[in-house]
Amino acid sequence: MKRFLLVLITLFSCTSVTYAEQKKVVGPWDVHYMVVNTTFLTPEIAKANGIVRSKYNALVNISVLDTDDKKAQLVAIDGEATNLLGNKKKLSFKRVQEGQAIYYLAVVPFRDKETLRFDISLRQGNTNDSLKFQQKMTVD
């Protein structure tokens, strides 16, 4: 799993606008998110995490940190991706925990040059918030 963390760090440092990590303050959290093509994962990392590598699959990676102390947060997370025609794809997130780091991962299929609007719900106790963003997907 440490290799998985290394792969994510490498992806976070990617300079491409399409694949750059992004951050938004959502309620009491700093939410870091990125969407990358699953072909960026090594076959071993993909297999270890149950991810099917395909040039038509994207990996949605979200981490939620407390805004004040920057500690990773356990949250209930779900969401959907909607294309510009209104077709919705439900996202099923899997939690991956490595030491103090927590990542929420989901795979979403897409078509080349398809723009997806992501609507992610985050819940913890009585706190409910959402993260919304969009990204144009490309086949690599």
C-alpha atoms as a PDB file:
ATOM      1  CA  MET A   1       0.000   0.000   0.000  1.00  0.00           C
ATOM      2  CA  LYS A   2       2.956   2.344   0.472  1.00  0.00           C
ATOM      3  CA  ARG A   3       3.484   2.168  -3.292  1.00  0.00           C
ATOM      4  CA  PHE A   4      -0.097   3.351  -3.697  1.00  0.00           C
ATOM      5  CA  LEU A   5       0.684   6.416  -1.601  1.00  0.00           C
ATOM      6  CA  LEU A   6       3.789   7.040  -3.694  1.00  0.00           C
ATOM      7  CA  VAL A   7       1.745   6.816  -6.900  1.00  0.00           C
ATOM      8  CA  LEU A   8      -0.804   9.281  -5.501  1.00  0.00           C
ATOM      9  CA  ILE A   9       1.918  11.717  -4.464  1.00  0.00           C
ATOM     10  CA  THR A  10       3.373  11.477  -7.951  1.00  0.00           C
ATOM     11  CA  LEU A  11      -0.037  12.145  -9.469  1.00  0.00           C
ATOM     12  CA  PHE A  12      -0.613  15.084  -7.092  1.00  0.00           C
ATOM     13  CA  SER A  13       2.603  16.662  -8.336  1.00  0.00           C
ATOM     14  CA  CYS A  14       1.573  16.290 -11.981  1.00  0.00           C
ATOM     15  CA  THR A  15       1.741  19.633 -13.805  1.00  0.00           C
ATOM     16  CA  SER A  16      -1.035  18.958 -16.308  1.00  0.00           C
ATOM     17  CA  VAL A  17      -4.080  21.125 -15.649  1.00  0.00           C
ATOM     18  CA  THR A  18      -6.364  18.208 -16.485  1.00  0.00           C
ATOM     19  CA  TYR A  19      -4.839  16.014 -13.805  1.00  0.00           C
ATOM     20  CA  ALA A  20      -3.733  18.509 -11.166  1.00  0.00           C
ATOM     21  CA  GLU A  21      -4.909  18.073  -7.617  1.00  0.00           C
ATOM     22  CA  GLN A  22      -7.365  20.697  -6.504  1.00  0.00           C
ATOM     23  CA  LYS A  23      -8.581  21.844  -3.102  1.00  0.00           C
ATOM     24  CA  LYS A  24     -11.747  23.485  -1.847  1.00  0.00           C
ATOM     25  CA  VAL A  25     -12.777  24.478   1.645  1.00  0.00           C
ATOM     26  CA  VAL A  26     -16.100  22.739   2.270  1.00  0.00           C
ATOM     27  CA  GLY A  27     -17.639  23.492   5.663  1.00  0.00           C
ATOM     28  CA  PRO A  28     -15.094  22.481   8.342  1.00  0.00           C
ATOM     29  CA  TRP A  29     -12.913  20.584   5.867  1.00  0.00           C
ATOM     30  CA  ASP A  30     -10.170  21.088   3.323  1.00  0.00           C
ATOM     31  CA  VAL A  31     -11.206  18.720   0.552  1.00  0.00           C
ATOM     32  CA  HIS A  32      -8.458  17.687  -1.863  1.00  0.00           C
ATOM     33  CA  TYR A  33      -9.657  16.059  -5.068  1.00  0.00           C
ATOM     34  CA  MET A  34      -8.402  14.929  -8.426  1.00  0.00           C
ATOM     35  CA  VAL A  35      -9.603  12.856 -11.340  1.00  0.00           C
ATOM     36  CA  VAL A  36      -7.055  10.891 -13.375  1.00  0.00           C
ATOM     37  CA  ASN A  37      -7.169   8.212 -16.010  1.00  0.00           C
ATOM     38  CA  THR A  38      -6.790   4.758 -14.440  1.00  0.00           C
ATOM     39  CA  THR A  39      -3.999   3.975 -16.901  1.00  0.00           C
ATOM     40  CA  PHE A  40      -1.762   6.189 -14.728  1.00  0.00           C
ATOM     41  CA  LEU A  41      -1.896   3.489 -12.042  1.00  0.00           C
ATOM     42  CA  THR A  42       0.516   0.598 -12.250  1.00  0.00           C
ATOM     43  CA  PRO A  43      -1.160  -2.776 -12.833  1.00  0.00           C
ATOM     44  CA  GLU A  44      -0.078  -3.871  -9.334  1.00  0.00           C
ATOM     45  CA  ILE A  45      -1.585  -0.827  -7.602  1.00  0.00           C
ATOM     46  CA  ALA A  46      -4.792  -1.112  -9.620  1.00  0.00           C
ATOM     47  CA  LYS A  47      -5.147  -4.813  -8.810  1.00  0.00           C
ATOM     48  CA  ALA A  48      -4.428  -4.293  -5.100  1.00  0.00           C
ATOM     49  CA  ASN A  49      -7.238  -1.725  -4.939  1.00  0.00           C
ATOM     50  CA  GLY A  50      -9.747  -3.504  -7.182  1.00  0.00           C
ATOM     51  CA  ILE A  51      -9.493  -0.901  -9.935  1.00  0.00           C
ATOM     52  CA  VAL A  52      -9.902  -1.827 -13.607  1.00  0.00           C
ATOM     53  CA  ARG A  53      -7.327  -0.003 -15.715  1.00  0.00           C
ATOM     54  CA  SER A  54      -8.781   1.354 -18.953  1.00  0.00           C
ATOM     55  CA  LYS A  55      -8.278   4.440 -21.064  1.00  0.00           C
ATOM     56  CA  TYR A  56     -12.043   4.940 -20.641  1.00  0.00           C
ATOM     57  CA  ASN A  57     -12.052   4.781 -16.815  1.00  0.00           C
ATOM     58  CA  ALA A  58     -11.135   7.637 -14.500  1.00  0.00           C
ATOM     59  CA  LEU A  59     -10.169   7.424 -10.844  1.00  0.00           C
ATOM     60  CA  VAL A  60     -11.779   9.987  -8.552  1.00  0.00           C
ATOM     61  CA  ASN A  61      -9.529  10.514  -5.512  1.00  0.00           C
ATOM     62  CA  ILE A  62     -10.754  12.576  -2.564  1.00  0.00           C
ATOM     63  CA  SER A  63      -9.162  13.251   0.798  1.00  0.00           C
ATOM     64  CA  VAL A  64     -10.870  15.209   3.559  1.00  0.00           C
ATOM     65  CA  LEU A  65      -8.811  17.078   6.154  1.00  0.00           C
ATOM     66  CA  ASP A  66      -9.916  19.086   9.172  1.00  0.00           C
ATOM     67  CA  THR A  67      -9.393  22.754   8.280  1.00  0.00           C
ATOM     68  CA  ASP A  68      -7.805  23.554  11.652  1.00  0.00           C
ATOM     69  CA  ASP A  69      -5.535  20.622  12.535  1.00  0.00           C
ATOM     70  CA  LYS A  70      -5.172  19.143   9.005  1.00  0.00           C
ATOM     71  CA  LYS A  71      -5.930  15.607  10.252  1.00  0.00           C
ATOM     72  CA  ALA A  72      -7.557  13.166   7.833  1.00  0.00           C
ATOM     73  CA  GLN A  73     -11.268  12.729   8.479  1.00  0.00           C
ATOM     74  CA  LEU A  74     -13.479   9.657   8.370  1.00  0.00           C
ATOM     75  CA  VAL A  75     -16.573  10.704   6.452  1.00  0.00           C
ATOM     76  CA  ALA A  76     -19.477   9.046   4.702  1.00  0.00           C
ATOM     77  CA  ILE A  77     -19.068   9.891   1.039  1.00  0.00           C
ATOM     78  CA  ASP A  78     -21.093   9.279  -2.091  1.00  0.00           C
ATOM     79  CA  GLY A  79     -21.810  11.112  -5.273  1.00  0.00           C
ATOM     80  CA  GLU A  80     -22.513  11.117  -8.952  1.00  0.00           C
ATOM     81  CA  ALA A  81     -20.992  12.317 -12.182  1.00  0.00           C
ATOM     82  CA  THR A  82     -23.291  13.847 -14.786  1.00  0.00           C
ATOM     83  CA  ASN A  83     -22.362  14.547 -18.390  1.00  0.00           C
ATOM     84  CA  LEU A  84     -23.603  17.586 -20.319  1.00  0.00           C
ATOM     85  CA  LEU A  85     -26.530  15.562 -21.716  1.00  0.00           C
ATOM     86  CA  GLY A  86     -27.734  14.870 -18.166  1.00  0.00           C
ATOM     87  CA  ASN A  87     -26.716  11.202 -18.045  1.00  0.00           C
ATOM     88  CA  LYS A  88     -25.819  10.324 -14.443  1.00  0.00           C
ATOM     89  CA  LYS A  89     -23.254   7.829 -13.200  1.00  0.00           C
ATOM     90  CA  LYS A  90     -23.339   6.871  -9.530  1.00  0.00           C
ATOM     91  CA  LEU A  91     -19.973   6.902  -7.776  1.00  0.00           C
ATOM     92  CA  SER A  92     -19.202   4.117  -5.297  1.00  0.00           C
ATOM     93  CA  PHE A  93     -16.320   5.203  -3.090  1.00  0.00           C
ATOM     94  CA  LYS A  94     -13.878   2.837  -1.418  1.00  0.00           C
ATOM     95  CA  ARG A  95     -11.925   4.030   1.621  1.00  0.00           C
ATOM     96  CA  VAL A  96      -8.172   3.405   1.555  1.00  0.00           C
ATOM     97  CA  GLN A  97      -6.267   4.111   4.756  1.00  0.00           C
ATOM     98  CA  GLU A  98      -2.481   4.211   5.009  1.00  0.00           C
ATOM     99  CA  GLY A  99      -1.217   5.265   8.410  1.00  0.00           C
ATOM    100  CA  GLN A 100      -2.836   8.609   9.164  1.00  0.00           C
ATOM    101  CA  ALA A 101      -3.815   9.229   5.513  1.00  0.00           C
ATOM    102  CA  ILE A 102      -7.327   8.425   4.282  1.00  0.00           C
ATOM    103  CA  TYR A 103      -8.319   8.416   0.606  1.00  0.00           C
ATOM    104  CA  TYR A 104     -11.748   7.871  -0.913  1.00  0.00           C
ATOM    105  CA  LEU A 105     -11.565   6.320  -4.381  1.00  0.00           C
ATOM    106  CA  ALA A 106     -14.203   5.762  -7.054  1.00  0.00           C
ATOM    107  CA  VAL A 107     -13.979   4.751 -10.696  1.00  0.00           C
ATOM    108  CA  VAL A 108     -16.134   6.426 -13.319  1.00  0.00           C
ATOM    109  CA  PRO A 109     -16.356   5.447 -17.003  1.00  0.00           C
ATOM    110  CA  PHE A 110     -16.231   8.237 -19.584  1.00  0.00           C
ATOM    111  CA  ARG A 111     -16.002   8.988 -23.303  1.00  0.00           C
ATOM    112  CA  ASP A 112     -13.184  10.955 -24.894  1.00  0.00           C
ATOM    113  CA  LYS A 113     -13.651  14.729 -24.554  1.00  0.00           C
ATOM    114  CA  GLU A 114     -16.673  14.220 -22.281  1.00  0.00           C
ATOM    115  CA  THR A 115     -17.239  16.877 -19.618  1.00  0.00           C
ATOM    116  CA  LEU A 116     -18.394  15.455 -16.296  1.00  0.00           C
ATOM    117  CA  ARG A 117     -19.965  17.434 -13.459  1.00  0.00           C
ATOM    118  CA  PHE A 118     -19.215  15.871 -10.100  1.00  0.00           C
ATOM    119  CA  ASP A 119     -21.529  16.272  -7.106  1.00  0.00           C
ATOM    120  CA  ILE A 120     -20.020  14.665  -4.005  1.00  0.00           C
ATOM    121  CA  SER A 121     -21.843  14.460  -0.638  1.00  0.00           C
ATOM    122  CA  LEU A 122     -19.763  14.445   2.542  1.00  0.00           C
ATOM    123  CA  ARG A 123     -21.261  13.541   5.930  1.00  0.00           C
ATOM    124  CA  GLN A 124     -19.835  13.267   9.416  1.00  0.00           C
ATOM    125  CA  GLY A 125     -22.139  13.317  12.434  1.00  0.00           C
ATOM    126  CA  ASN A 126     -24.481  16.288  11.996  1.00  0.00           C
ATOM    127  CA  THR A 127     -22.272  17.900   9.360  1.00  0.00           C
ATOM    128  CA  ASN A 128     -23.428  17.537   5.749  1.00  0.00           C
ATOM    129  CA  ASP A 129     -21.714  19.341   2.911  1.00  0.00           C
ATOM    130  CA  SER A 130     -21.095  18.875  -0.779  1.00  0.00           C
ATOM    131  CA  LEU A 131     -18.255  19.289  -3.206  1.00  0.00           C
ATOM    132  CA  LYS A 132     -19.081  20.240  -6.787  1.00  0.00           C
ATOM    133  CA  PHE A 133     -16.684  20.514  -9.696  1.00  0.00           C
ATOM    134  CA  GLN A 134     -16.470  19.640 -13.366  1.00  0.00           C
ATOM    135  CA  GLN A 135     -13.742  18.247 -15.545  1.00  0.00           C
ATOM    136  CA  LYS A 136     -13.280  17.509 -19.220  1.00  0.00           C
ATOM    137  CA  MET A 137     -12.111  13.930 -19.625  1.00  0.00           C
ATOM    138  CA  THR A 138      -9.662  12.813 -22.289  1.00  0.00           C
ATOM    139  CA  VAL A 139      -8.403   9.426 -23.402  1.00  0.00           C
ATOM    140  CA  ASP A 140      -4.648   8.986 -23.037  1.00  0.00           C
END
